[in-house]
Every structure is written in structure tokens, then in C-alpha cells.
Amino acid sequence: MCLFSYAEDPDPDEQAPAGLLFVPVRPEAAGPLLRVFRTPLGERTAVGFSRRDLLTATLGAGQPAIPLAEPALRALTEPLGIDRLVVDPVLTAPAVITKPVYAADVPARAL
């Protein structure tokens, strides 16, 4: 006997509306510029967060963002050829090291 009801599982291809999202931007002289990210496979994607604290936890406290409805975000990215939207991503790359690494600083066995 199966303990799980598969009739209630959502279809992964079915997109539910995301609602209002906090969208990461870069401040520019002409106004905020939408940040575009890449998936692990290199596909360009728009990113939005359902809550400001989730954006801060993923991208840091200094990341500016603007609130946008999902349809508005899709309308902004469609002319760029971006049809993927990731909501509340949690996996990110490690922070960039700001101190330059010199060969003398790396142990010989790592080279």
C-alpha cells in the first residue's frame, strides 16, 4: 500500500504566479538596472525573492532591490531573450576574494 497521495502533487511544469517579488538591481545614474544571473548550466535567468530577508540572506545586506510583480519582471526580461525566472534561489557562489593571491602564498602541493 502506498502512503503518499500523488494526485495532489503539483506538476513541475505548471507555473504558479509568484506575486510581488524583490528583484536585485544595480544602481546606475539613469536609474536602477536589473541584475541578471546564470543557472549552473550557464542559462541566463531573472531572479526574484518573495521576501526581503531571503534576498539579504542570499545576496547580502548591501544588495539594492526593487519590488516588481512577476508579470512586470517577465516583461522586462523577455526582450533580452530571458524566459526563465528563479524565485527564492538559495545556492550561490562563494564570495569573491578581494585580496590577490600570489604563487608565494599558495602551498607547493596546491600548485
C-alpha atoms as a PDB file:
ATOM      1  CA  MET A   1       0.000   0.000   0.000  1.00  0.00           C
ATOM      2  CA  CYS A   2       1.339   3.442  -0.931  1.00  0.00           C
ATOM      3  CA  LEU A   3       1.460   6.006   1.878  1.00  0.00           C
ATOM      4  CA  PHE A   4       1.657   9.029  -0.429  1.00  0.00           C
ATOM      5  CA  SER A   5      -1.089  10.645  -2.487  1.00  0.00           C
ATOM      6  CA  TYR A   6       0.404  11.534  -5.851  1.00  0.00           C
ATOM      7  CA  ALA A   7      -2.861  13.042  -7.114  1.00  0.00           C
ATOM      8  CA  GLU A   8      -2.189  16.163  -5.018  1.00  0.00           C
ATOM      9  CA  ASP A   9       1.435  16.707  -6.130  1.00  0.00           C
ATOM     10  CA  PRO A  10       1.838  19.795  -8.303  1.00  0.00           C
ATOM     11  CA  ASP A  11       3.068  19.390 -11.838  1.00  0.00           C
ATOM     12  CA  PRO A  12       6.658  20.729 -12.007  1.00  0.00           C
ATOM     13  CA  ASP A  13       5.944  22.314 -15.399  1.00  0.00           C
ATOM     14  CA  GLU A  14       2.933  24.171 -14.028  1.00  0.00           C
ATOM     15  CA  GLN A  15       3.931  27.715 -13.119  1.00  0.00           C
ATOM     16  CA  ALA A  16       2.096  29.295 -10.218  1.00  0.00           C
ATOM     17  CA  PRO A  17       2.113  33.103 -10.103  1.00  0.00           C
ATOM     18  CA  ALA A  18       4.890  34.395  -7.875  1.00  0.00           C
ATOM     19  CA  GLY A  19       3.197  37.685  -6.944  1.00  0.00           C
ATOM     20  CA  LEU A  20       5.241  40.648  -5.746  1.00  0.00           C
ATOM     21  CA  LEU A  21       8.994  39.989  -5.819  1.00  0.00           C
ATOM     22  CA  PHE A  22      12.060  41.802  -4.520  1.00  0.00           C
ATOM     23  CA  VAL A  23      14.303  41.973  -7.581  1.00  0.00           C
ATOM     24  CA  PRO A  24      18.063  42.652  -7.256  1.00  0.00           C
ATOM     25  CA  VAL A  25      19.256  45.741  -9.134  1.00  0.00           C
ATOM     26  CA  ARG A  26      22.427  47.768  -9.634  1.00  0.00           C
ATOM     27  CA  PRO A  27      22.169  51.498  -9.023  1.00  0.00           C
ATOM     28  CA  GLU A  28      23.067  53.482 -12.158  1.00  0.00           C
ATOM     29  CA  ALA A  29      22.900  57.183 -12.997  1.00  0.00           C
ATOM     30  CA  ALA A  30      19.853  56.654 -15.239  1.00  0.00           C
ATOM     31  CA  GLY A  31      18.056  54.555 -12.598  1.00  0.00           C
ATOM     32  CA  PRO A  32      18.192  51.000 -11.244  1.00  0.00           C
ATOM     33  CA  LEU A  33      19.474  48.347 -13.640  1.00  0.00           C
ATOM     34  CA  LEU A  34      18.038  44.828 -13.367  1.00  0.00           C
ATOM     35  CA  ARG A  35      20.610  42.194 -12.388  1.00  0.00           C
ATOM     36  CA  VAL A  36      20.568  39.054 -14.495  1.00  0.00           C
ATOM     37  CA  PHE A  37      22.083  35.809 -13.220  1.00  0.00           C
ATOM     38  CA  ARG A  38      23.091  32.459 -14.716  1.00  0.00           C
ATOM     39  CA  THR A  39      21.960  28.974 -13.795  1.00  0.00           C
ATOM     40  CA  PRO A  40      24.636  26.344 -13.025  1.00  0.00           C
ATOM     41  CA  LEU A  41      24.378  25.310 -16.690  1.00  0.00           C
ATOM     42  CA  GLY A  42      25.014  28.870 -17.897  1.00  0.00           C
ATOM     43  CA  GLU A  43      21.477  29.848 -18.928  1.00  0.00           C
ATOM     44  CA  ARG A  44      20.618  33.491 -18.226  1.00  0.00           C
ATOM     45  CA  THR A  45      17.810  33.915 -15.716  1.00  0.00           C
ATOM     46  CA  ALA A  46      15.925  36.609 -13.862  1.00  0.00           C
ATOM     47  CA  VAL A  47      15.847  36.264 -10.086  1.00  0.00           C
ATOM     48  CA  GLY A  48      13.249  37.430  -7.590  1.00  0.00           C
ATOM     49  CA  PHE A  49      12.712  36.917  -3.879  1.00  0.00           C
ATOM     50  CA  SER A  50       9.352  36.596  -2.163  1.00  0.00           C
ATOM     51  CA  ARG A  51      10.697  38.310   0.981  1.00  0.00           C
ATOM     52  CA  ARG A  52      13.380  40.942   1.547  1.00  0.00           C
ATOM     53  CA  ASP A  53      15.084  38.845   4.261  1.00  0.00           C
ATOM     54  CA  LEU A  54      15.567  35.981   1.766  1.00  0.00           C
ATOM     55  CA  LEU A  55      17.269  38.377  -0.654  1.00  0.00           C
ATOM     56  CA  THR A  56      19.519  39.658   2.147  1.00  0.00           C
ATOM     57  CA  ALA A  57      20.415  36.125   3.257  1.00  0.00           C
ATOM     58  CA  THR A  58      21.404  35.149  -0.287  1.00  0.00           C
ATOM     59  CA  LEU A  59      22.991  38.300  -1.728  1.00  0.00           C
ATOM     60  CA  GLY A  60      23.956  40.291   1.380  1.00  0.00           C
ATOM     61  CA  ALA A  61      22.618  43.294   3.265  1.00  0.00           C
ATOM     62  CA  GLY A  62      24.013  45.824   0.804  1.00  0.00           C
ATOM     63  CA  GLN A  63      22.156  44.463  -2.236  1.00  0.00           C
ATOM     64  CA  PRO A  64      19.685  47.049  -3.545  1.00  0.00           C
ATOM     65  CA  ALA A  65      16.347  45.735  -4.781  1.00  0.00           C
ATOM     66  CA  ILE A  66      13.073  46.996  -6.164  1.00  0.00           C
ATOM     67  CA  PRO A  67       9.618  45.460  -5.765  1.00  0.00           C
ATOM     68  CA  LEU A  68       8.178  44.159  -9.037  1.00  0.00           C
ATOM     69  CA  ALA A  69       5.228  41.972  -9.869  1.00  0.00           C
ATOM     70  CA  GLU A  70       6.128  38.754 -11.672  1.00  0.00           C
ATOM     71  CA  PRO A  71       4.488  39.813 -14.975  1.00  0.00           C
ATOM     72  CA  ALA A  72       6.467  43.088 -14.939  1.00  0.00           C
ATOM     73  CA  LEU A  73       9.738  41.240 -14.347  1.00  0.00           C
ATOM     74  CA  ARG A  74       8.972  38.824 -17.185  1.00  0.00           C
ATOM     75  CA  ALA A  75       8.080  41.763 -19.469  1.00  0.00           C
ATOM     76  CA  LEU A  76      11.449  43.393 -18.712  1.00  0.00           C
ATOM     77  CA  THR A  77      13.480  40.267 -19.395  1.00  0.00           C
ATOM     78  CA  GLU A  78      11.584  38.923 -22.421  1.00  0.00           C
ATOM     79  CA  PRO A  79      13.183  41.372 -24.930  1.00  0.00           C
ATOM     80  CA  LEU A  80      16.585  40.174 -23.656  1.00  0.00           C
ATOM     81  CA  GLY A  81      15.718  36.586 -24.582  1.00  0.00           C
ATOM     82  CA  ILE A  82      15.397  35.554 -20.931  1.00  0.00           C
ATOM     83  CA  ASP A  83      12.373  33.370 -20.275  1.00  0.00           C
ATOM     84  CA  ARG A  84      13.494  31.712 -17.045  1.00  0.00           C
ATOM     85  CA  LEU A  85      12.597  33.148 -13.632  1.00  0.00           C
ATOM     86  CA  VAL A  86      14.023  31.695 -10.433  1.00  0.00           C
ATOM     87  CA  VAL A  87      12.168  32.619  -7.248  1.00  0.00           C
ATOM     88  CA  ASP A  88      13.957  32.428  -3.879  1.00  0.00           C
ATOM     89  CA  PRO A  89      17.237  30.832  -5.009  1.00  0.00           C
ATOM     90  CA  VAL A  90      19.402  29.623  -2.139  1.00  0.00           C
ATOM     91  CA  LEU A  91      22.516  28.284  -3.829  1.00  0.00           C
ATOM     92  CA  THR A  92      25.101  30.910  -4.720  1.00  0.00           C
ATOM     93  CA  ALA A  93      28.793  31.018  -5.497  1.00  0.00           C
ATOM     94  CA  PRO A  94      31.232  31.841  -2.692  1.00  0.00           C
ATOM     95  CA  ALA A  95      32.114  35.487  -2.179  1.00  0.00           C
ATOM     96  CA  VAL A  96      34.850  36.889  -4.395  1.00  0.00           C
ATOM     97  CA  ILE A  97      38.226  37.129  -2.690  1.00  0.00           C
ATOM     98  CA  THR A  98      39.317  40.756  -2.732  1.00  0.00           C
ATOM     99  CA  LYS A  99      42.910  40.043  -1.700  1.00  0.00           C
ATOM    100  CA  PRO A 100      45.072  38.991  -4.675  1.00  0.00           C
ATOM    101  CA  VAL A 101      46.561  35.518  -4.400  1.00  0.00           C
ATOM    102  CA  TYR A 102      50.234  35.206  -5.262  1.00  0.00           C
ATOM    103  CA  ALA A 103      52.091  31.986  -6.047  1.00  0.00           C
ATOM    104  CA  ALA A 104      54.248  32.545  -2.952  1.00  0.00           C
ATOM    105  CA  ASP A 105      51.090  32.452  -0.782  1.00  0.00           C
ATOM    106  CA  VAL A 106      49.937  29.068  -2.133  1.00  0.00           C
ATOM    107  CA  PRO A 107      51.470  25.907  -0.662  1.00  0.00           C
ATOM    108  CA  ALA A 108      53.624  23.986  -3.150  1.00  0.00           C
ATOM    109  CA  ARG A 109      51.381  20.895  -3.102  1.00  0.00           C
ATOM    110  CA  ALA A 110      48.380  23.026  -4.248  1.00  0.00           C
ATOM    111  CA  LEU A 111      50.200  24.100  -7.419  1.00  0.00           C
END
